[in-house]
Amino acid sequence: MALIASAAFAMSACAPEAVSPSQSPTSGASNAGPGAIGAAANGLADRPVAVVTGPARRWFTVPDGLFADQPQIFAAFTPEDVSAGLPRARLRSTGQTVDMTPVPTRGGGPGSTTPPTVTWLGMVPLDRATPGSQAIDVVVRMRDGTDAVVGTREFMLSAAEYVVWTLDFEGDDAGDAGMANTGAIADGLGVPMTVMWNPRVWTTAQVSPARADAMLAWTKGRGAKGDEIALHLHLWTDYVRAAGVVPRTTPNWGGRGDGYDVPITAYTESETRTLVEYGLRLMADRGLPKPTSFRAGALFANDATLRAIAALGFTADCSSAPAGPFGALQLPWTLPSDAQPYYPARDDANRAGDLPLLEAPTIGGNTYGHSAISIAGVVQADLRMLAPPGQPAAQRRALTVVSHPSTIDATERGAIETLFRAFEPLRYDRDAGPLRFVTLAQLAKAYAR
């Protein structure tokens, strides 16, 4: 993305060890499960006493193509032998029921004064549940044919919310200090990155081989930590010429004359494919993995751009943005400020269709030029697009944020950390809410059709 500040967009712990038995939902309480093996499934004469624990966390999200967490619930019964009652866990909102399985618990070992116990485990599927407060009932079959609820546990179910942090290399020099700040933010706050590598550094005399090597080493290091390595192109004239395409200097958004500010939309679909293929080849030659995510410089892309990258195997793009100007040019997008991921039409990048490429609009803000104080507007705009703390999201949402390793000094680092800390009351990994930080490739899996 281009470095123009005006492009910033408004923006229970006592359970036994968890195990994963093979279980299938049952359609009714009469289904005999593993607990009934070797026992007469004729029900219990008396309602047992049960200590019910779990799930281990408060928040769960509706299953998507990426995450499918299931709440685990445990029940310890008195008397211990309740197999004739077929213990089951039932999600109250859907009636979906699973057989519980007896699992060993601690105690009863050699020399122990604690008698051995059996705890029953159920893993409850969430595929038919809708967002909101949820309850899991532990039920047993009584001898008269009825089911008795012996314990209930509650949790919150929400549609998933995602934040993607993209880091654009521009094709020029990114200093060691900026890259160090970038990595420190990611590691310190537990935020994965989508590193948008720009291969132009290998086609210009403006970046020394030593600096190109330093940036490449940093990028490979981030990849080894699990960050995504993607592709970002600005159409510098030296890069375009090296790719075998005639370079253009107009139209441009900044009047530079070196091609950096020429949108990729100035090139034909065939030329775009050549330019992208060249970048992929340069990356492969230097040991980088083939990227599956793309962003065009300054968020300029159209249907021809998206067709070209989809044909090359890309599965996600984040070149889109809300409608508006960028420098001297108008962005080719007509999307609203809160536009959500979609699959574009082959003949219209602004409309949903059947192109096999997820378009993830960059609506979460551009941190360039911001401080911890000035980023407040971006923070508030982003939070307004998400469910308030403590409340489930009715529909999934995604925000893509853009930064640049070359500009992240101490001031911008403070801005980014302020922005990401504002999401703390919503974070799934803190069991505070439904929001997950993910890479763009992960987002594409979550939205896979």
Protein backbone atom coordinates (compact mmCIF):
# COMPACT_ATOMS: atom_id res chain seq x y z
CA MET A 1 0.00 0.00 0.00
CA ALA A 2 1.19 3.55 -0.59
CA LEU A 3 2.40 5.75 2.24
CA ILE A 4 -0.15 8.57 2.11
CA ALA A 5 -1.60 9.54 5.47
CA SER A 6 -4.88 10.62 3.92
CA ALA A 7 -5.47 6.99 2.99
CA ALA A 8 -6.12 6.03 6.64
CA PHE A 9 -9.62 4.69 6.96
CA ALA A 10 -12.13 5.38 9.71
CA MET A 11 -12.01 2.65 11.28
CA SER A 12 -14.25 -24.51 35.47
CA ALA A 13 -11.10 -25.36 36.37
CA CYS A 14 -11.69 -28.58 38.37
CA ALA A 15 -12.46 -30.82 35.38
CA PRO A 16 -10.34 -33.89 34.61
CA GLU A 17 -7.94 -33.95 31.73
CA ALA A 18 -9.72 -33.33 28.44
CA VAL A 19 -9.93 -36.23 26.04
CA SER A 20 -11.39 -36.55 22.59
CA PRO A 21 -13.48 -39.70 22.27
CA SER A 22 -15.23 -40.43 19.04
CA GLN A 23 -18.83 -39.28 19.52
CA SER A 24 -21.79 -38.69 17.31
CA PRO A 25 -24.88 -36.62 18.05
CA THR A 26 -27.94 -38.64 18.89
CA SER A 27 -31.35 -37.70 17.68
CA GLY A 28 -33.16 -38.86 20.81
CA ALA A 29 -32.59 -39.82 24.42
CA SER A 30 -33.17 -43.47 23.73
CA ASN A 31 -29.95 -43.94 21.78
CA ALA A 32 -27.56 -46.20 23.63
CA GLY A 33 -24.06 -44.79 23.86
CA PRO A 34 -20.70 -46.14 24.98
CA GLY A 35 -21.78 -46.01 28.61
CA ALA A 36 -24.45 -48.59 27.96
CA ILE A 37 -22.09 -51.29 26.78
CA GLY A 38 -22.39 -54.29 29.05
CA ALA A 39 -25.17 -52.66 31.07
CA ALA A 40 -28.92 -52.91 30.90
CA ALA A 41 -30.17 -49.63 29.47
CA ASN A 42 -33.33 -49.82 31.52
CA GLY A 43 -32.94 -46.52 33.36
CA LEU A 44 -32.17 -45.59 36.94
CA ALA A 45 -34.47 -46.16 39.91
CA ASP A 46 -33.34 -42.98 41.69
CA ARG A 47 -32.16 -39.63 40.41
CA PRO A 48 -28.39 -39.53 40.99
CA VAL A 49 -26.43 -36.65 42.45
CA ALA A 50 -24.03 -35.15 39.93
CA VAL A 51 -21.20 -32.65 40.14
CA VAL A 52 -21.16 -31.05 36.70
CA THR A 53 -18.19 -28.96 35.52
CA GLY A 54 -17.08 -27.30 32.29
CA PRO A 55 -16.85 -25.94 29.72
CA ALA A 56 -13.32 -24.77 30.38
CA ARG A 57 -14.05 -21.39 28.78
CA ARG A 58 -16.89 -18.90 28.71
CA TRP A 59 -16.85 -17.92 25.02
CA PHE A 60 -17.31 -20.07 21.93
CA THR A 61 -17.86 -19.09 18.33
CA VAL A 62 -20.12 -20.52 15.66
CA PRO A 63 -18.08 -23.10 13.70
CA ASP A 64 -16.51 -21.79 10.50
CA GLY A 65 -14.06 -23.15 7.98
CA LEU A 66 -11.16 -22.41 10.32
CA PHE A 67 -12.26 -22.99 13.91
CA ALA A 68 -14.69 -25.56 15.35
CA ASP A 69 -14.22 -25.51 19.11
CA GLN A 70 -16.67 -27.65 21.06
CA PRO A 71 -17.61 -27.19 24.71
CA GLN A 72 -16.65 -30.15 26.88
CA ILE A 73 -18.80 -30.93 29.91
CA PHE A 74 -17.98 -33.35 32.73
CA ALA A 75 -20.21 -35.07 35.29
CA ALA A 76 -19.17 -37.02 38.39
CA PHE A 77 -22.07 -39.09 39.74
CA THR A 78 -23.11 -40.50 43.11
CA PRO A 79 -23.67 -43.41 42.98
CA GLU A 80 -20.87 -44.03 40.50
CA ASP A 81 -22.52 -46.68 38.35
CA VAL A 82 -25.05 -44.76 36.28
CA SER A 83 -24.46 -46.58 33.00
CA ALA A 84 -28.05 -47.83 32.98
CA GLY A 85 -29.12 -44.19 32.83
CA LEU A 86 -27.20 -43.43 29.64
CA PRO A 87 -25.75 -40.05 30.69
CA ARG A 88 -26.03 -37.54 27.90
CA ALA A 89 -25.22 -33.87 27.29
CA ARG A 90 -27.93 -31.87 25.55
CA LEU A 91 -27.63 -28.38 24.09
CA ARG A 92 -30.85 -26.79 25.23
CA SER A 93 -31.25 -24.35 22.36
CA THR A 94 -31.20 -27.01 19.64
CA GLY A 95 -32.00 -30.21 21.52
CA GLN A 96 -28.91 -31.76 19.96
CA THR A 97 -27.73 -34.54 22.25
CA VAL A 98 -24.50 -36.53 22.58
CA ASP A 99 -23.77 -39.64 24.61
CA MET A 100 -21.32 -39.06 27.44
CA THR A 101 -18.33 -41.35 27.82
CA PRO A 102 -16.79 -42.55 31.09
CA VAL A 103 -13.21 -41.40 31.48
CA PRO A 104 -10.68 -42.11 34.24
CA THR A 105 -9.92 -39.45 36.81
CA ARG A 106 -7.13 -39.08 39.31
CA GLY A 107 -7.30 -40.97 42.59
CA GLY A 108 -7.39 -44.58 43.61
CA GLY A 109 -3.74 -45.27 42.80
CA PRO A 110 -1.36 -47.40 44.87
CA GLY A 111 -1.30 -46.15 48.44
CA SER A 112 -3.99 -43.58 47.76
CA THR A 113 -6.70 -42.96 50.32
CA THR A 114 -8.90 -41.50 47.62
CA PRO A 115 -11.16 -44.08 46.03
CA PRO A 116 -11.09 -44.32 42.24
CA THR A 117 -13.79 -42.35 40.51
CA VAL A 118 -15.35 -42.26 37.07
CA THR A 119 -16.24 -39.00 35.38
CA TRP A 120 -18.38 -38.80 32.28
CA LEU A 121 -17.46 -36.54 29.37
CA GLY A 122 -19.59 -35.06 26.63
CA MET A 123 -18.46 -32.88 23.71
CA VAL A 124 -21.35 -30.83 22.39
CA PRO A 125 -21.51 -29.82 18.69
CA LEU A 126 -22.47 -26.24 17.91
CA ASP A 127 -23.20 -26.48 14.20
CA ARG A 128 -26.94 -25.83 14.54
CA ALA A 129 -26.79 -23.27 17.32
CA THR A 130 -27.27 -19.53 16.89
CA PRO A 131 -25.43 -16.76 18.74
CA GLY A 132 -26.53 -16.00 22.29
CA SER A 133 -26.45 -17.41 25.79
CA GLN A 134 -26.40 -21.22 25.75
CA ALA A 135 -27.05 -23.97 28.30
CA ILE A 136 -25.94 -27.60 28.33
CA ASP A 137 -28.03 -29.98 30.40
CA VAL A 138 -26.67 -33.30 31.66
CA VAL A 139 -29.53 -35.79 31.54
CA VAL A 140 -30.02 -39.41 32.59
CA ARG A 141 -32.75 -41.91 31.74
CA MET A 142 -35.04 -42.90 34.60
CA ARG A 143 -36.68 -46.27 34.92
CA ASP A 144 -40.09 -44.79 34.03
CA GLY A 145 -38.74 -43.76 30.63
CA THR A 146 -38.34 -40.05 31.39
CA ASP A 147 -35.14 -38.05 31.33
CA ALA A 148 -33.95 -36.20 34.43
CA VAL A 149 -31.69 -33.13 34.30
CA VAL A 150 -28.97 -33.58 36.89
CA GLY A 151 -26.87 -30.51 36.10
CA THR A 152 -26.58 -27.53 33.80
CA ARG A 153 -23.68 -25.41 32.59
CA GLU A 154 -23.84 -22.18 30.60
CA PHE A 155 -21.61 -20.45 28.05
CA MET A 156 -21.81 -17.70 25.43
CA LEU A 157 -21.94 -18.44 21.71
CA SER A 158 -21.10 -15.73 19.19
CA ALA A 159 -20.49 -15.33 15.52
CA ALA A 160 -16.75 -15.00 15.00
CA GLU A 161 -15.07 -11.62 14.60
CA TYR A 162 -11.63 -11.33 12.98
CA VAL A 163 -8.84 -8.76 12.75
CA VAL A 164 -6.15 -9.16 10.08
CA TRP A 165 -2.92 -7.15 10.41
CA THR A 166 -1.22 -6.68 7.05
CA LEU A 167 2.34 -5.33 6.72
CA ASP A 168 3.21 -3.85 3.35
CA PHE A 169 6.77 -3.76 2.09
CA GLU A 170 6.82 -1.06 -0.58
CA GLY A 171 9.76 -2.24 -2.67
CA ASP A 172 12.20 0.22 -1.13
CA ASP A 173 14.36 0.00 1.98
CA ALA A 174 12.79 -0.92 5.31
CA GLY A 175 15.22 -0.25 8.13
CA ASP A 176 16.16 -2.66 10.90
CA ALA A 177 14.56 -0.47 13.58
CA GLY A 178 11.19 -0.48 11.84
CA MET A 179 11.24 -4.23 11.34
CA ALA A 180 12.27 -4.72 14.97
CA ASN A 181 9.35 -2.58 16.15
CA THR A 182 7.00 -4.51 13.89
CA GLY A 183 8.08 -7.87 15.27
CA ALA A 184 7.97 -6.60 18.85
CA ILE A 185 4.33 -5.56 18.44
CA ALA A 186 3.35 -8.92 17.00
CA ASP A 187 5.22 -10.95 19.62
CA GLY A 188 4.33 -8.74 22.56
CA LEU A 189 0.59 -8.62 21.87
CA GLY A 190 0.19 -12.07 20.31
CA VAL A 191 -0.92 -10.76 16.92
CA PRO A 192 -0.10 -12.79 13.78
CA MET A 193 0.97 -10.86 10.70
CA THR A 194 0.34 -11.10 7.00
CA VAL A 195 3.68 -9.87 5.67
CA MET A 196 3.14 -8.38 2.21
CA TRP A 197 6.52 -8.93 0.56
CA ASN A 198 7.50 -6.74 -2.38
CA PRO A 199 10.02 -8.33 -4.80
CA ARG A 200 11.01 -5.03 -6.40
CA VAL A 201 13.99 -4.85 -4.01
CA TRP A 202 15.71 -7.37 -6.31
CA THR A 203 15.26 -5.33 -9.49
CA THR A 204 16.56 -1.91 -8.44
CA ALA A 205 19.87 -0.26 -7.66
CA GLN A 206 18.08 1.88 -5.04
CA VAL A 207 18.15 -1.01 -2.55
CA SER A 208 21.53 -2.57 -1.82
CA PRO A 209 21.88 -6.36 -1.84
CA ALA A 210 22.74 -6.20 1.86
CA ARG A 211 19.50 -4.39 2.71
CA ALA A 212 17.46 -6.71 0.49
CA ASP A 213 19.05 -9.67 2.28
CA ALA A 214 18.26 -8.16 5.69
CA MET A 215 14.61 -7.67 4.80
CA LEU A 216 14.41 -11.15 3.32
CA ALA A 217 15.95 -12.70 6.44
CA TRP A 218 13.45 -10.85 8.66
CA THR A 219 10.57 -12.02 6.49
CA LYS A 220 11.71 -15.63 6.54
CA GLY A 221 12.06 -15.36 10.31
CA ARG A 222 8.48 -14.18 10.61
CA GLY A 223 7.35 -17.03 8.39
CA ALA A 224 9.14 -19.48 10.68
CA LYS A 225 7.08 -18.05 13.56
CA GLY A 226 3.85 -18.80 11.71
CA ASP A 227 3.17 -15.46 10.06
CA GLU A 228 1.86 -15.45 6.52
CA ILE A 229 4.03 -14.27 3.64
CA ALA A 230 1.95 -12.65 0.91
CA LEU A 231 2.63 -10.50 -2.18
CA HIS A 232 2.36 -6.72 -2.54
CA LEU A 233 3.13 -4.90 -5.78
CA HIS A 234 3.78 -1.29 -6.66
CA LEU A 235 4.51 -0.77 -10.34
CA TRP A 236 7.97 0.78 -10.12
CA THR A 237 9.27 1.29 -13.65
CA ASP A 238 12.44 -0.73 -13.00
CA TYR A 239 10.41 -3.69 -11.74
CA VAL A 240 7.95 -3.51 -14.63
CA ARG A 241 10.77 -3.32 -17.15
CA ALA A 242 12.58 -6.27 -15.54
CA ALA A 243 9.37 -8.28 -15.84
CA GLY A 244 9.35 -7.65 -19.61
CA VAL A 245 6.44 -5.20 -19.64
CA VAL A 246 6.54 -1.65 -20.99
CA PRO A 247 6.36 0.60 -17.90
CA ARG A 248 3.87 3.45 -17.50
CA THR A 249 4.17 6.65 -15.53
CA THR A 250 0.55 7.76 -15.93
CA PRO A 251 -2.03 7.82 -14.55
CA ASN A 252 -0.55 8.34 -11.13
CA TRP A 253 -1.76 9.51 -7.74
CA GLY A 254 1.33 11.41 -6.64
CA GLY A 255 3.19 12.78 -9.67
CA ARG A 256 6.40 10.89 -8.87
CA GLY A 257 7.48 9.64 -12.29
CA ASP A 258 9.08 6.39 -11.08
CA GLY A 259 5.97 4.20 -11.43
CA TYR A 260 5.48 3.69 -7.70
CA ASP A 261 2.28 5.71 -7.83
CA VAL A 262 0.86 4.14 -11.00
CA PRO A 263 -2.10 1.89 -10.18
CA ILE A 264 -2.05 -1.72 -11.31
CA THR A 265 -5.33 -0.94 -13.07
CA ALA A 266 -3.27 0.94 -15.69
CA TYR A 267 -2.06 -2.45 -16.92
CA THR A 268 -4.03 -5.03 -18.86
CA GLU A 269 -5.06 -8.36 -17.42
CA SER A 270 -2.36 -10.11 -19.41
CA GLU A 271 0.29 -7.63 -18.29
CA THR A 272 -0.86 -7.94 -14.68
CA ARG A 273 -0.47 -11.69 -14.87
CA THR A 274 3.06 -11.29 -16.24
CA LEU A 275 3.96 -8.80 -13.48
CA VAL A 276 2.62 -11.06 -10.73
CA GLU A 277 4.20 -14.21 -12.19
CA TYR A 278 7.55 -12.45 -12.27
CA GLY A 279 7.24 -11.55 -8.60
CA LEU A 280 6.33 -15.11 -7.71
CA ARG A 281 9.37 -16.39 -9.57
CA LEU A 282 11.70 -13.97 -7.78
CA MET A 283 10.27 -15.04 -4.41
CA ALA A 284 10.58 -18.75 -5.19
CA ASP A 285 14.18 -18.30 -6.35
CA ARG A 286 15.05 -16.91 -2.90
CA GLY A 287 13.31 -19.57 -0.86
CA LEU A 288 10.05 -17.86 -0.02
CA PRO A 289 6.85 -19.93 -0.09
CA LYS A 290 4.34 -19.31 -2.84
CA PRO A 291 1.92 -16.72 -1.49
CA THR A 292 -1.84 -17.13 -1.61
CA SER A 293 -2.75 -13.56 -0.59
CA PHE A 294 -2.27 -10.34 -2.56
CA ARG A 295 -2.61 -6.58 -2.28
CA ALA A 296 -2.12 -4.09 -5.08
CA GLY A 297 -0.35 -0.82 -4.39
CA ALA A 298 -2.50 1.89 -2.78
CA LEU A 299 -5.54 -0.40 -2.91
CA PHE A 300 -6.06 0.01 -6.65
CA ALA A 301 -7.46 -3.13 -8.30
CA ASN A 302 -10.34 -4.01 -10.61
CA ASP A 303 -12.00 -7.08 -12.09
CA ALA A 304 -9.08 -7.67 -14.48
CA THR A 305 -6.61 -7.56 -11.55
CA LEU A 306 -8.64 -10.06 -9.56
CA ARG A 307 -9.10 -12.42 -12.49
CA ALA A 308 -5.36 -12.40 -13.11
CA ILE A 309 -4.38 -13.26 -9.53
CA ALA A 310 -7.17 -15.81 -9.11
CA ALA A 311 -5.90 -17.58 -12.24
CA LEU A 312 -2.47 -17.78 -10.58
CA GLY A 313 -3.84 -19.58 -7.53
CA PHE A 314 -4.31 -16.74 -5.08
CA THR A 315 -7.18 -17.34 -2.66
CA ALA A 316 -7.41 -13.93 -0.97
CA ASP A 317 -7.01 -10.30 -1.88
CA CYS A 318 -7.20 -7.19 0.30
CA SER A 319 -6.86 -4.48 -2.34
CA SER A 320 -10.43 -3.26 -1.84
CA ALA A 321 -11.40 -0.29 0.29
CA PRO A 322 -14.30 2.05 0.92
CA ALA A 323 -15.09 4.42 -1.94
CA GLY A 324 -13.10 7.64 -2.06
CA PRO A 325 -10.03 9.41 -3.45
CA PHE A 326 -6.40 8.43 -3.11
CA GLY A 327 -4.08 11.27 -3.87
CA ALA A 328 -4.95 12.65 -7.30
CA LEU A 329 -6.96 9.59 -8.32
CA GLN A 330 -10.29 8.09 -7.35
CA LEU A 331 -10.18 4.57 -5.98
CA PRO A 332 -11.94 2.07 -8.25
CA TRP A 333 -14.10 0.88 -5.35
CA THR A 334 -17.73 1.71 -4.56
CA LEU A 335 -17.85 -0.19 -1.27
CA PRO A 336 -19.27 1.17 2.00
CA SER A 337 -17.04 1.99 4.95
CA ASP A 338 -17.97 -1.24 6.74
CA ALA A 339 -17.73 -3.57 3.71
CA GLN A 340 -17.27 -7.21 4.64
CA PRO A 341 -15.41 -10.05 2.89
CA TYR A 342 -17.05 -11.38 -0.27
CA TYR A 343 -16.35 -13.33 -3.43
CA PRO A 344 -16.35 -10.85 -6.35
CA ALA A 345 -17.99 -11.17 -9.71
CA ARG A 346 -15.68 -11.86 -12.63
CA ASP A 347 -16.78 -8.72 -14.46
CA ASP A 348 -17.24 -6.36 -11.49
CA ALA A 349 -14.88 -6.31 -8.52
CA ASN A 350 -17.39 -4.32 -6.47
CA ARG A 351 -20.15 -6.91 -6.78
CA ALA A 352 -20.47 -10.38 -5.29
CA GLY A 353 -20.12 -13.25 -7.73
CA ASP A 354 -18.34 -16.53 -8.38
CA LEU A 355 -14.64 -15.60 -8.69
CA PRO A 356 -12.74 -18.13 -6.52
CA LEU A 357 -10.99 -15.42 -4.53
CA LEU A 358 -11.99 -13.92 -1.18
CA GLU A 359 -11.97 -10.13 -1.24
CA ALA A 360 -11.25 -8.73 2.24
CA PRO A 361 -11.78 -4.95 2.25
CA THR A 362 -9.18 -2.93 4.13
CA ILE A 363 -11.58 -1.12 6.46
CA GLY A 364 -9.69 -1.36 9.76
CA GLY A 365 -7.44 1.64 9.17
CA ASN A 366 -3.97 2.62 8.01
CA THR A 367 -1.66 3.27 10.95
CA TYR A 368 0.81 5.34 8.92
CA GLY A 369 1.46 8.76 10.42
CA HIS A 370 -0.48 8.06 13.61
CA SER A 371 0.46 8.41 17.25
CA ALA A 372 -1.11 6.83 20.32
CA ILE A 373 -3.34 9.92 20.55
CA SER A 374 -4.25 10.48 16.91
CA ILE A 375 -5.19 6.81 16.39
CA ALA A 376 -8.23 7.33 18.66
CA GLY A 377 -10.54 7.97 15.71
CA VAL A 378 -9.51 4.72 14.03
CA VAL A 379 -9.99 2.85 17.31
CA GLN A 380 -13.52 4.15 17.75
CA ALA A 381 -14.46 3.49 14.13
CA ASP A 382 -13.21 -0.11 14.39
CA LEU A 383 -14.98 -0.79 17.69
CA ARG A 384 -18.26 0.50 16.28
CA MET A 385 -18.13 -2.26 13.67
CA LEU A 386 -17.81 -4.98 16.32
CA ALA A 387 -20.12 -6.30 19.02
CA PRO A 388 -19.74 -4.42 22.34
CA PRO A 389 -17.72 -6.10 25.10
CA GLY A 390 -19.64 -8.89 26.78
CA GLN A 391 -22.18 -9.20 23.98
CA PRO A 392 -22.20 -11.88 21.26
CA ALA A 393 -21.97 -10.89 17.62
CA ALA A 394 -25.04 -11.84 15.62
CA GLN A 395 -23.07 -11.98 12.37
CA ARG A 396 -19.38 -12.55 11.69
CA ARG A 397 -17.27 -9.50 10.94
CA ALA A 398 -13.75 -8.93 9.69
CA LEU A 399 -11.47 -5.89 9.87
CA THR A 400 -8.23 -5.62 7.90
CA VAL A 401 -5.61 -3.16 9.19
CA VAL A 402 -2.59 -2.00 7.17
CA SER A 403 0.84 -0.86 8.36
CA HIS A 404 4.31 -0.64 6.81
CA PRO A 405 7.49 -2.01 8.40
CA SER A 406 9.49 0.83 6.86
CA THR A 407 7.60 3.51 8.83
CA ILE A 408 6.98 1.91 12.24
CA ASP A 409 9.06 4.12 14.50
CA ALA A 410 8.42 4.54 18.23
CA THR A 411 5.50 6.89 17.58
CA GLU A 412 3.66 4.65 15.13
CA ARG A 413 4.44 1.63 17.29
CA GLY A 414 2.58 3.36 20.11
CA ALA A 415 -0.37 3.95 17.79
CA ILE A 416 -0.54 0.32 16.68
CA GLU A 417 -0.26 -0.98 20.24
CA THR A 418 -3.02 1.39 21.32
CA LEU A 419 -5.24 0.13 18.51
CA PHE A 420 -4.65 -3.55 19.23
CA ARG A 421 -5.00 -3.15 23.00
CA ALA A 422 -8.44 -1.66 22.39
CA PHE A 423 -9.48 -5.14 21.20
CA GLU A 424 -8.43 -6.82 24.48
CA PRO A 425 -11.99 -6.87 25.96
CA LEU A 426 -13.11 -8.79 22.85
CA ARG A 427 -10.31 -11.32 22.36
CA TYR A 428 -11.15 -15.00 22.06
CA ASP A 429 -7.71 -16.13 23.19
CA ARG A 430 -8.29 -14.23 26.44
CA ASP A 431 -11.76 -15.85 26.77
CA ALA A 432 -13.17 -12.33 26.76
CA GLY A 433 -15.17 -12.36 23.53
CA PRO A 434 -15.40 -13.63 19.94
CA LEU A 435 -12.55 -11.69 18.29
CA ARG A 436 -9.60 -13.56 16.81
CA PHE A 437 -6.47 -12.10 15.24
CA VAL A 438 -5.84 -14.13 12.09
CA THR A 439 -3.80 -13.97 8.90
CA LEU A 440 -5.40 -13.27 5.54
CA ALA A 441 -4.91 -16.90 4.51
CA GLN A 442 -6.72 -18.00 7.67
CA LEU A 443 -9.54 -15.58 6.90
CA ALA A 444 -9.90 -17.15 3.48
CA LYS A 445 -10.33 -20.56 5.13
CA ALA A 446 -12.88 -19.18 7.56
CA TYR A 447 -14.92 -17.79 4.67
CA ALA A 448 -14.36 -20.75 2.33
CA ARG A 449 -17.40 -21.66 0.27
